[in-house]
Amino acid sequence: MHHLYLTRLNYLAVAAAALAAFFIGAVWYTVLFGKLWAAKHGYSPEQLQQMQSKRPMPVFFAELIFCYFIAAVGIDILLVDFPNVELVLCHI
């Protein structure tokens, strides 16, 4: 039986992954392809501003941290409860 030991998780790695995803996404959707993305989806600058106001950046970042935390817990469960999954994952 698996016991979830949250002290075993590397919280700094979870935060670093969320921060990296946040900044990579910010660069991707603003500097690199922001205008192209908005044009392809038919968004006006007003619509973009309205979408951003519905979910402010701190809320979006908190959601990213939560998602990466859930992923870390899932990986922990897989590697503890199913120790041979490493062999399967390495050969995919």
Protein backbone atom coordinates (compact mmCIF):
# COMPACT_ATOMS: atom_id res chain seq x y z
CA MET A 1 0.00 0.00 0.00
CA HIS A 2 1.30 3.41 -0.93
CA HIS A 3 1.65 6.05 1.73
CA LEU A 4 1.84 9.54 0.33
CA TYR A 5 4.80 11.24 1.93
CA LEU A 6 4.60 14.84 0.80
CA THR A 7 7.94 15.52 2.46
CA ARG A 8 9.57 13.35 -0.19
CA LEU A 9 8.58 15.74 -2.99
CA ASN A 10 11.03 18.36 -4.16
CA TYR A 11 8.94 21.51 -3.83
CA LEU A 12 11.71 23.68 -5.24
CA ALA A 13 11.72 21.58 -8.42
CA VAL A 14 7.93 21.90 -8.69
CA ALA A 15 8.15 25.68 -8.35
CA ALA A 16 11.06 25.86 -10.79
CA ALA A 17 9.13 23.82 -13.37
CA ALA A 18 6.11 26.09 -13.01
CA LEU A 19 8.26 29.21 -13.25
CA ALA A 20 10.06 27.89 -16.36
CA ALA A 21 6.77 26.96 -18.04
CA PHE A 22 5.33 30.36 -17.16
CA PHE A 23 8.24 32.30 -18.67
CA ILE A 24 8.60 30.07 -21.73
CA GLY A 25 4.86 30.45 -22.39
CA ALA A 26 5.09 34.20 -21.87
CA VAL A 27 7.90 34.53 -24.41
CA TRP A 28 6.19 32.12 -26.82
CA TYR A 29 2.81 33.88 -26.76
CA THR A 30 4.10 37.47 -26.67
CA VAL A 31 7.49 38.06 -28.27
CA LEU A 32 7.77 35.10 -30.65
CA PHE A 33 4.27 34.28 -31.88
CA GLY A 34 1.85 36.53 -29.99
CA LYS A 35 0.66 38.59 -32.93
CA LEU A 36 0.48 35.58 -35.25
CA TRP A 37 -1.45 33.57 -32.65
CA ALA A 38 -3.95 36.40 -32.06
CA ALA A 39 -4.41 36.93 -35.81
CA LYS A 40 -4.92 33.22 -36.53
CA HIS A 41 -7.60 33.03 -33.82
CA GLY A 42 -9.18 36.31 -34.89
CA TYR A 43 -8.72 38.05 -31.55
CA SER A 44 -8.74 41.82 -31.37
CA PRO A 45 -6.53 43.65 -28.83
CA GLU A 46 -9.68 44.38 -26.80
CA GLN A 47 -10.59 40.69 -26.71
CA LEU A 48 -7.07 39.79 -25.60
CA GLN A 49 -7.24 42.36 -22.81
CA GLN A 50 -10.63 41.00 -21.74
CA MET A 51 -9.31 37.41 -21.67
CA GLN A 52 -6.30 38.48 -19.61
CA SER A 53 -8.50 40.30 -17.11
CA LYS A 54 -10.58 37.14 -16.52
CA ARG A 55 -7.54 35.27 -15.23
CA PRO A 56 -4.80 37.56 -13.85
CA MET A 57 -1.19 36.42 -14.04
CA PRO A 58 -0.84 35.52 -10.33
CA VAL A 59 -3.90 33.26 -10.60
CA PHE A 60 -2.53 31.66 -13.77
CA PHE A 61 0.83 31.06 -12.09
CA ALA A 62 -0.86 29.53 -9.03
CA GLU A 63 -2.74 27.17 -11.35
CA LEU A 64 0.55 26.15 -12.97
CA ILE A 65 2.11 25.41 -9.59
CA PHE A 66 -0.94 23.34 -8.62
CA CYS A 67 -0.80 21.34 -11.88
CA TYR A 68 2.91 20.63 -11.52
CA PHE A 69 2.36 19.60 -7.90
CA ILE A 70 -0.33 17.12 -8.99
CA ALA A 71 2.02 15.79 -11.68
CA ALA A 72 4.81 15.35 -9.09
CA VAL A 73 2.46 13.45 -6.78
CA GLY A 74 1.36 11.24 -9.67
CA ILE A 75 4.94 10.46 -10.64
CA ASP A 76 5.75 9.72 -7.01
CA ILE A 77 2.85 7.27 -6.79
CA LEU A 78 3.89 5.57 -10.03
CA LEU A 79 7.51 5.18 -9.00
CA VAL A 80 6.74 3.93 -5.48
CA ASP A 81 3.75 1.68 -6.17
CA PHE A 82 5.00 0.43 -9.50
CA PRO A 83 8.81 0.34 -9.22
CA ASN A 84 9.26 -1.39 -12.60
CA VAL A 85 7.54 1.49 -14.39
CA GLU A 86 11.02 3.05 -14.74
CA LEU A 87 11.94 0.24 -17.09
CA VAL A 88 8.81 0.82 -19.13
CA LEU A 89 9.24 4.60 -19.26
CA CYS A 90 12.87 4.34 -20.30
CA HIS A 91 11.99 2.22 -23.32
CA ILE A 92 9.18 4.38 -24.69
